[in-house]
Amino acid sequence: MRKQMNGAVADAMFYYGDNYGLNYGVSLPTVRQIACEQTADHELALYLYKQQVRELRLAALHIAEPERITVQELPTWAEGVINSEVAEEMAFALLPRTTILKDIFDKWSRSDNEFLAYSALMAAARSESSLDESILHTLPAIVERFASSRIIAQGVVAMLATAYERNADTKSAIQEILDKMGNGSAAEYIKDEISWRIEY
């Protein structure tokens, strides 16, 4: 990771509020490549994840063994979700492959932590098995709690769009969900995005 340091990238990320303790500025594809060259090791992943170093925290998400994540471990993983980059990488690399994604979604989507809720939404959208209608009907409450959050809106759009792509018969259920959303900026963004996606 140190060999791939990029100070300009690190400075730019700091300017935009990605609050890591230490940031080498290594590109995300490079972090993924380096991490994927390592043998899966859950204990090592937990150790790396707790370090205040951007690249180690992101790499840990690829080194962890998803099937070993337990409900008891969730506070440890939650504590490290400090910005949208970690939230997205966790949703991409780790959460969809766990055996407890529904438990994670139940806990994190109800959290007041915007990044945890965002990660749960994006992970559910990527999962092959967690988009039943009961989960979809929890979305209006999440949007109400984060009424002006663009990332929460993006996560909800990802879930609804994926549900529709997998089963066009969900159109009426999706419309019902949209009708239950208020008029905040997040809800308006979701309605606009989903309307054209379903139409075309």
C-alpha atoms as a PDB file:
ATOM      1  CA  MET A   1       0.000   0.000   0.000  1.00  0.00           C
ATOM      2  CA  ARG A   2       2.810   2.397   0.865  1.00  0.00           C
ATOM      3  CA  LYS A   3       4.417   1.862  -2.538  1.00  0.00           C
ATOM      4  CA  GLN A   4       1.174   3.011  -4.184  1.00  0.00           C
ATOM      5  CA  MET A   5       0.894   6.226  -2.162  1.00  0.00           C
ATOM      6  CA  ASN A   6      -0.621   9.244  -3.914  1.00  0.00           C
ATOM      7  CA  GLY A   7      -0.494  12.407  -1.854  1.00  0.00           C
ATOM      8  CA  ALA A   8      -2.631  14.444  -4.246  1.00  0.00           C
ATOM      9  CA  VAL A   9      -5.486  11.937  -4.036  1.00  0.00           C
ATOM     10  CA  ALA A  10      -5.188  11.769  -0.256  1.00  0.00           C
ATOM     11  CA  ASP A  11      -5.349  15.571  -0.017  1.00  0.00           C
ATOM     12  CA  ALA A  12      -8.411  15.694  -2.266  1.00  0.00           C
ATOM     13  CA  MET A  13     -10.195  13.059  -0.196  1.00  0.00           C
ATOM     14  CA  PHE A  14      -9.422  14.962   2.997  1.00  0.00           C
ATOM     15  CA  TYR A  15     -10.853  18.124   1.430  1.00  0.00           C
ATOM     16  CA  TYR A  16     -14.106  16.310   0.617  1.00  0.00           C
ATOM     17  CA  GLY A  17     -14.482  15.029   4.159  1.00  0.00           C
ATOM     18  CA  ASP A  18     -13.354  11.396   4.033  1.00  0.00           C
ATOM     19  CA  ASN A  19     -12.235  11.304   7.637  1.00  0.00           C
ATOM     20  CA  TYR A  20      -9.581   8.630   7.969  1.00  0.00           C
ATOM     21  CA  GLY A  21      -6.716   8.849  10.412  1.00  0.00           C
ATOM     22  CA  LEU A  22      -4.081   7.984   7.809  1.00  0.00           C
ATOM     23  CA  ASN A  23      -4.735   7.969   4.088  1.00  0.00           C
ATOM     24  CA  TYR A  24      -2.154   6.902   1.498  1.00  0.00           C
ATOM     25  CA  GLY A  25      -4.382   7.951  -1.397  1.00  0.00           C
ATOM     26  CA  VAL A  26      -4.218   4.521  -3.058  1.00  0.00           C
ATOM     27  CA  SER A  27      -6.904   4.057  -5.718  1.00  0.00           C
ATOM     28  CA  LEU A  28      -9.763   1.755  -4.787  1.00  0.00           C
ATOM     29  CA  PRO A  29      -9.083  -0.716  -7.647  1.00  0.00           C
ATOM     30  CA  THR A  30      -5.485  -1.022  -6.433  1.00  0.00           C
ATOM     31  CA  VAL A  31      -6.609  -1.578  -2.841  1.00  0.00           C
ATOM     32  CA  ARG A  32      -8.949  -4.309  -4.073  1.00  0.00           C
ATOM     33  CA  GLN A  33      -6.226  -5.945  -6.148  1.00  0.00           C
ATOM     34  CA  ILE A  34      -3.731  -6.003  -3.288  1.00  0.00           C
ATOM     35  CA  ALA A  35      -6.343  -7.302  -0.841  1.00  0.00           C
ATOM     36  CA  CYS A  36      -7.546 -10.039  -3.184  1.00  0.00           C
ATOM     37  CA  GLU A  37      -3.995 -11.335  -3.500  1.00  0.00           C
ATOM     38  CA  GLN A  38      -4.088 -12.160   0.231  1.00  0.00           C
ATOM     39  CA  THR A  39      -5.461 -15.342   1.753  1.00  0.00           C
ATOM     40  CA  ALA A  40      -8.809 -14.900   3.497  1.00  0.00           C
ATOM     41  CA  ASP A  41      -8.153 -14.473   7.209  1.00  0.00           C
ATOM     42  CA  HIS A  42     -10.969 -13.275   9.436  1.00  0.00           C
ATOM     43  CA  GLU A  43      -8.846 -12.423  12.463  1.00  0.00           C
ATOM     44  CA  LEU A  44      -6.406 -10.443  10.343  1.00  0.00           C
ATOM     45  CA  ALA A  45      -9.308  -8.649   8.681  1.00  0.00           C
ATOM     46  CA  LEU A  46     -10.728  -7.591  12.038  1.00  0.00           C
ATOM     47  CA  TYR A  47      -7.306  -6.358  13.123  1.00  0.00           C
ATOM     48  CA  LEU A  48      -6.780  -4.358   9.910  1.00  0.00           C
ATOM     49  CA  TYR A  49     -10.299  -2.967  10.028  1.00  0.00           C
ATOM     50  CA  LYS A  50      -9.699  -1.428  13.448  1.00  0.00           C
ATOM     51  CA  GLN A  51      -6.630   0.476  12.247  1.00  0.00           C
ATOM     52  CA  GLN A  52      -7.040   4.170  11.516  1.00  0.00           C
ATOM     53  CA  VAL A  53      -5.688   3.701   7.980  1.00  0.00           C
ATOM     54  CA  ARG A  54      -7.992   4.029   4.977  1.00  0.00           C
ATOM     55  CA  GLU A  55      -6.366   1.381   2.812  1.00  0.00           C
ATOM     56  CA  LEU A  56      -6.158  -1.214   5.587  1.00  0.00           C
ATOM     57  CA  ARG A  57      -9.794  -0.708   6.530  1.00  0.00           C
ATOM     58  CA  LEU A  58     -10.937  -1.110   2.927  1.00  0.00           C
ATOM     59  CA  ALA A  59      -8.653  -4.101   2.332  1.00  0.00           C
ATOM     60  CA  ALA A  60     -10.057  -5.796   5.434  1.00  0.00           C
ATOM     61  CA  LEU A  61     -13.473  -5.978   3.786  1.00  0.00           C
ATOM     62  CA  HIS A  62     -11.994  -8.235   1.100  1.00  0.00           C
ATOM     63  CA  ILE A  63      -9.838 -10.326   3.446  1.00  0.00           C
ATOM     64  CA  ALA A  64     -12.654 -11.086   5.909  1.00  0.00           C
ATOM     65  CA  GLU A  65     -14.546 -14.365   5.722  1.00  0.00           C
ATOM     66  CA  PRO A  66     -18.205 -13.366   5.253  1.00  0.00           C
ATOM     67  CA  GLU A  67     -19.607 -16.649   6.536  1.00  0.00           C
ATOM     68  CA  ARG A  68     -17.887 -16.033   9.890  1.00  0.00           C
ATOM     69  CA  ILE A  69     -19.531 -12.682  10.565  1.00  0.00           C
ATOM     70  CA  THR A  70     -21.902 -12.949  13.506  1.00  0.00           C
ATOM     71  CA  VAL A  71     -24.493 -10.663  15.034  1.00  0.00           C
ATOM     72  CA  GLN A  72     -22.141 -10.234  18.007  1.00  0.00           C
ATOM     73  CA  GLU A  73     -19.462  -8.837  15.670  1.00  0.00           C
ATOM     74  CA  LEU A  74     -21.722  -6.243  14.083  1.00  0.00           C
ATOM     75  CA  PRO A  75     -20.826  -3.378  16.460  1.00  0.00           C
ATOM     76  CA  THR A  76     -17.168  -3.770  15.453  1.00  0.00           C
ATOM     77  CA  TRP A  77     -17.972  -3.580  11.755  1.00  0.00           C
ATOM     78  CA  ALA A  78     -20.461  -0.750  12.315  1.00  0.00           C
ATOM     79  CA  GLU A  79     -17.906   1.363  14.152  1.00  0.00           C
ATOM     80  CA  GLY A  80     -15.651   1.498  11.103  1.00  0.00           C
ATOM     81  CA  VAL A  81     -18.335   2.739   8.694  1.00  0.00           C
ATOM     82  CA  ILE A  82     -17.266   6.370   8.981  1.00  0.00           C
ATOM     83  CA  ASN A  83     -18.064   7.638   5.477  1.00  0.00           C
ATOM     84  CA  SER A  84     -19.765   6.686   2.227  1.00  0.00           C
ATOM     85  CA  GLU A  85     -16.636   5.070   0.784  1.00  0.00           C
ATOM     86  CA  VAL A  86     -16.450   2.459   3.552  1.00  0.00           C
ATOM     87  CA  ALA A  87     -20.233   2.024   3.418  1.00  0.00           C
ATOM     88  CA  GLU A  88     -20.162   1.338  -0.319  1.00  0.00           C
ATOM     89  CA  GLU A  89     -17.159  -0.981  -0.185  1.00  0.00           C
ATOM     90  CA  MET A  90     -18.713  -2.964   2.642  1.00  0.00           C
ATOM     91  CA  ALA A  91     -21.908  -3.309   0.611  1.00  0.00           C
ATOM     92  CA  PHE A  92     -19.865  -4.368  -2.418  1.00  0.00           C
ATOM     93  CA  ALA A  93     -17.282  -6.687  -0.907  1.00  0.00           C
ATOM     94  CA  LEU A  94     -18.643  -8.147   2.283  1.00  0.00           C
ATOM     95  CA  LEU A  95     -22.259  -7.842   3.380  1.00  0.00           C
ATOM     96  CA  PRO A  96     -24.035  -9.570   0.460  1.00  0.00           C
ATOM     97  CA  ARG A  97     -21.920 -12.674   1.050  1.00  0.00           C
ATOM     98  CA  THR A  98     -22.731 -13.005   4.760  1.00  0.00           C
ATOM     99  CA  THR A  99     -25.277 -15.479   6.098  1.00  0.00           C
ATOM    100  CA  ILE A 100     -26.939 -12.831   8.282  1.00  0.00           C
ATOM    101  CA  LEU A 101     -27.691 -10.045   5.818  1.00  0.00           C
ATOM    102  CA  LYS A 102     -31.335  -9.827   6.896  1.00  0.00           C
ATOM    103  CA  ASP A 103     -30.248  -9.339  10.502  1.00  0.00           C
ATOM    104  CA  ILE A 104     -27.763  -6.690   9.391  1.00  0.00           C
ATOM    105  CA  PHE A 105     -30.404  -4.943   7.321  1.00  0.00           C
ATOM    106  CA  ASP A 106     -32.876  -4.974  10.217  1.00  0.00           C
ATOM    107  CA  LYS A 107     -30.348  -3.389  12.572  1.00  0.00           C
ATOM    108  CA  TRP A 108     -28.521  -0.986  10.301  1.00  0.00           C
ATOM    109  CA  SER A 109     -31.503   0.279   8.311  1.00  0.00           C
ATOM    110  CA  ARG A 110     -33.100   1.348  11.599  1.00  0.00           C
ATOM    111  CA  SER A 111     -29.931   3.103  12.732  1.00  0.00           C
ATOM    112  CA  ASP A 112     -29.673   6.870  12.976  1.00  0.00           C
ATOM    113  CA  ASN A 113     -26.241   6.540  11.356  1.00  0.00           C
ATOM    114  CA  GLU A 114     -26.739   7.558   7.731  1.00  0.00           C
ATOM    115  CA  PHE A 115     -23.722   5.573   6.507  1.00  0.00           C
ATOM    116  CA  LEU A 116     -24.857   2.329   8.176  1.00  0.00           C
ATOM    117  CA  ALA A 117     -28.327   2.662   6.694  1.00  0.00           C
ATOM    118  CA  TYR A 118     -26.811   3.413   3.269  1.00  0.00           C
ATOM    119  CA  SER A 119     -24.556   0.359   3.463  1.00  0.00           C
ATOM    120  CA  ALA A 120     -27.495  -1.859   4.406  1.00  0.00           C
ATOM    121  CA  LEU A 121     -29.554  -0.547   1.489  1.00  0.00           C
ATOM    122  CA  MET A 122     -26.794  -1.051  -1.052  1.00  0.00           C
ATOM    123  CA  ALA A 123     -25.975  -4.523   0.267  1.00  0.00           C
ATOM    124  CA  ALA A 124     -29.616  -5.570   0.041  1.00  0.00           C
ATOM    125  CA  ALA A 125     -29.747  -4.292  -3.537  1.00  0.00           C
ATOM    126  CA  ARG A 126     -26.737  -6.479  -4.409  1.00  0.00           C
ATOM    127  CA  SER A 127     -28.008  -9.571  -2.618  1.00  0.00           C
ATOM    128  CA  GLU A 128     -29.623 -12.393  -4.552  1.00  0.00           C
ATOM    129  CA  SER A 129     -32.074 -13.266  -1.801  1.00  0.00           C
ATOM    130  CA  SER A 130     -33.035 -10.317   0.395  1.00  0.00           C
ATOM    131  CA  LEU A 131     -35.432  -8.245  -1.711  1.00  0.00           C
ATOM    132  CA  ASP A 132     -38.792  -9.642  -0.621  1.00  0.00           C
ATOM    133  CA  GLU A 133     -41.702  -7.229  -0.369  1.00  0.00           C
ATOM    134  CA  SER A 134     -41.597  -7.088   3.427  1.00  0.00           C
ATOM    135  CA  ILE A 135     -38.146  -5.482   3.235  1.00  0.00           C
ATOM    136  CA  LEU A 136     -39.224  -3.126   0.463  1.00  0.00           C
ATOM    137  CA  HIS A 137     -42.095  -1.866   2.602  1.00  0.00           C
ATOM    138  CA  THR A 138     -39.630  -0.658   5.250  1.00  0.00           C
ATOM    139  CA  LEU A 139     -38.186   1.885   2.818  1.00  0.00           C
ATOM    140  CA  PRO A 140     -40.630   4.795   3.392  1.00  0.00           C
ATOM    141  CA  ALA A 141     -39.705   4.887   7.093  1.00  0.00           C
ATOM    142  CA  ILE A 142     -36.008   4.980   6.238  1.00  0.00           C
ATOM    143  CA  VAL A 143     -36.545   7.818   3.780  1.00  0.00           C
ATOM    144  CA  GLU A 144     -38.597   9.732   6.338  1.00  0.00           C
ATOM    145  CA  ARG A 145     -35.762   9.451   8.864  1.00  0.00           C
ATOM    146  CA  PHE A 146     -33.212  10.743   6.343  1.00  0.00           C
ATOM    147  CA  ALA A 147     -35.487  13.093   4.440  1.00  0.00           C
ATOM    148  CA  SER A 148     -32.721  15.167   2.838  1.00  0.00           C
ATOM    149  CA  SER A 149     -30.016  12.504   2.368  1.00  0.00           C
ATOM    150  CA  ARG A 150     -28.875  11.959  -1.210  1.00  0.00           C
ATOM    151  CA  ILE A 151     -26.991   8.745  -0.396  1.00  0.00           C
ATOM    152  CA  ILE A 152     -30.016   7.203   1.338  1.00  0.00           C
ATOM    153  CA  ALA A 153     -32.073   8.137  -1.706  1.00  0.00           C
ATOM    154  CA  GLN A 154     -29.517   6.440  -3.953  1.00  0.00           C
ATOM    155  CA  GLY A 155     -29.628   3.301  -1.811  1.00  0.00           C
ATOM    156  CA  VAL A 156     -33.423   3.164  -1.969  1.00  0.00           C
ATOM    157  CA  VAL A 157     -33.343   3.668  -5.747  1.00  0.00           C
ATOM    158  CA  ALA A 158     -30.863   0.797  -6.042  1.00  0.00           C
ATOM    159  CA  MET A 159     -33.149  -1.502  -4.048  1.00  0.00           C
ATOM    160  CA  LEU A 160     -36.335  -0.598  -5.911  1.00  0.00           C
ATOM    161  CA  ALA A 161     -34.693  -0.709  -9.336  1.00  0.00           C
ATOM    162  CA  THR A 162     -33.172  -4.118  -8.623  1.00  0.00           C
ATOM    163  CA  ALA A 163     -36.497  -5.459  -7.362  1.00  0.00           C
ATOM    164  CA  TYR A 164     -38.209  -4.298 -10.545  1.00  0.00           C
ATOM    165  CA  GLU A 165     -35.474  -5.649 -12.821  1.00  0.00           C
ATOM    166  CA  ARG A 166     -35.776  -9.073 -11.209  1.00  0.00           C
ATOM    167  CA  ASN A 167     -39.552  -9.138 -11.246  1.00  0.00           C
ATOM    168  CA  ALA A 168     -41.634  -6.671 -13.259  1.00  0.00           C
ATOM    169  CA  ASP A 169     -44.705  -7.835 -11.312  1.00  0.00           C
ATOM    170  CA  THR A 170     -43.455  -5.790  -8.363  1.00  0.00           C
ATOM    171  CA  LYS A 171     -44.432  -2.594 -10.202  1.00  0.00           C
ATOM    172  CA  SER A 172     -47.673  -2.106  -8.260  1.00  0.00           C
ATOM    173  CA  ALA A 173     -45.929  -2.780  -4.937  1.00  0.00           C
ATOM    174  CA  ILE A 174     -43.207  -0.288  -5.835  1.00  0.00           C
ATOM    175  CA  GLN A 175     -45.803   2.318  -6.730  1.00  0.00           C
ATOM    176  CA  GLU A 176     -47.491   1.735  -3.375  1.00  0.00           C
ATOM    177  CA  ILE A 177     -44.155   2.244  -1.623  1.00  0.00           C
ATOM    178  CA  LEU A 178     -43.527   5.471  -3.559  1.00  0.00           C
ATOM    179  CA  ASP A 179     -46.991   6.744  -2.625  1.00  0.00           C
ATOM    180  CA  LYS A 180     -46.137   6.331   1.066  1.00  0.00           C
ATOM    181  CA  MET A 181     -43.063   8.534   0.808  1.00  0.00           C
ATOM    182  CA  GLY A 182     -43.291  12.173   1.775  1.00  0.00           C
ATOM    183  CA  ASN A 183     -42.189  15.219  -0.165  1.00  0.00           C
ATOM    184  CA  GLY A 184     -38.656  15.757   1.083  1.00  0.00           C
ATOM    185  CA  SER A 185     -35.722  16.041  -1.279  1.00  0.00           C
ATOM    186  CA  ALA A 186     -34.783  12.361  -0.844  1.00  0.00           C
ATOM    187  CA  ALA A 187     -38.324  11.206  -1.624  1.00  0.00           C
ATOM    188  CA  GLU A 188     -38.550  13.461  -4.678  1.00  0.00           C
ATOM    189  CA  TYR A 189     -35.248  12.137  -6.026  1.00  0.00           C
ATOM    190  CA  ILE A 190     -36.415   8.537  -5.546  1.00  0.00           C
ATOM    191  CA  LYS A 191     -39.746   9.138  -7.252  1.00  0.00           C
ATOM    192  CA  ASP A 192     -38.112  10.822 -10.241  1.00  0.00           C
ATOM    193  CA  GLU A 193     -35.470   8.125 -10.656  1.00  0.00           C
ATOM    194  CA  ILE A 194     -37.819   5.164 -10.269  1.00  0.00           C
ATOM    195  CA  SER A 195     -40.495   6.647 -12.525  1.00  0.00           C
ATOM    196  CA  TRP A 196     -38.253   6.769 -15.594  1.00  0.00           C
ATOM    197  CA  ARG A 197     -36.602   3.441 -14.794  1.00  0.00           C
ATOM    198  CA  ILE A 198     -39.946   1.678 -14.667  1.00  0.00           C
ATOM    199  CA  GLU A 199     -41.289   3.545 -17.691  1.00  0.00           C
ATOM    200  CA  TYR A 200     -38.328   2.606 -19.898  1.00  0.00           C
END
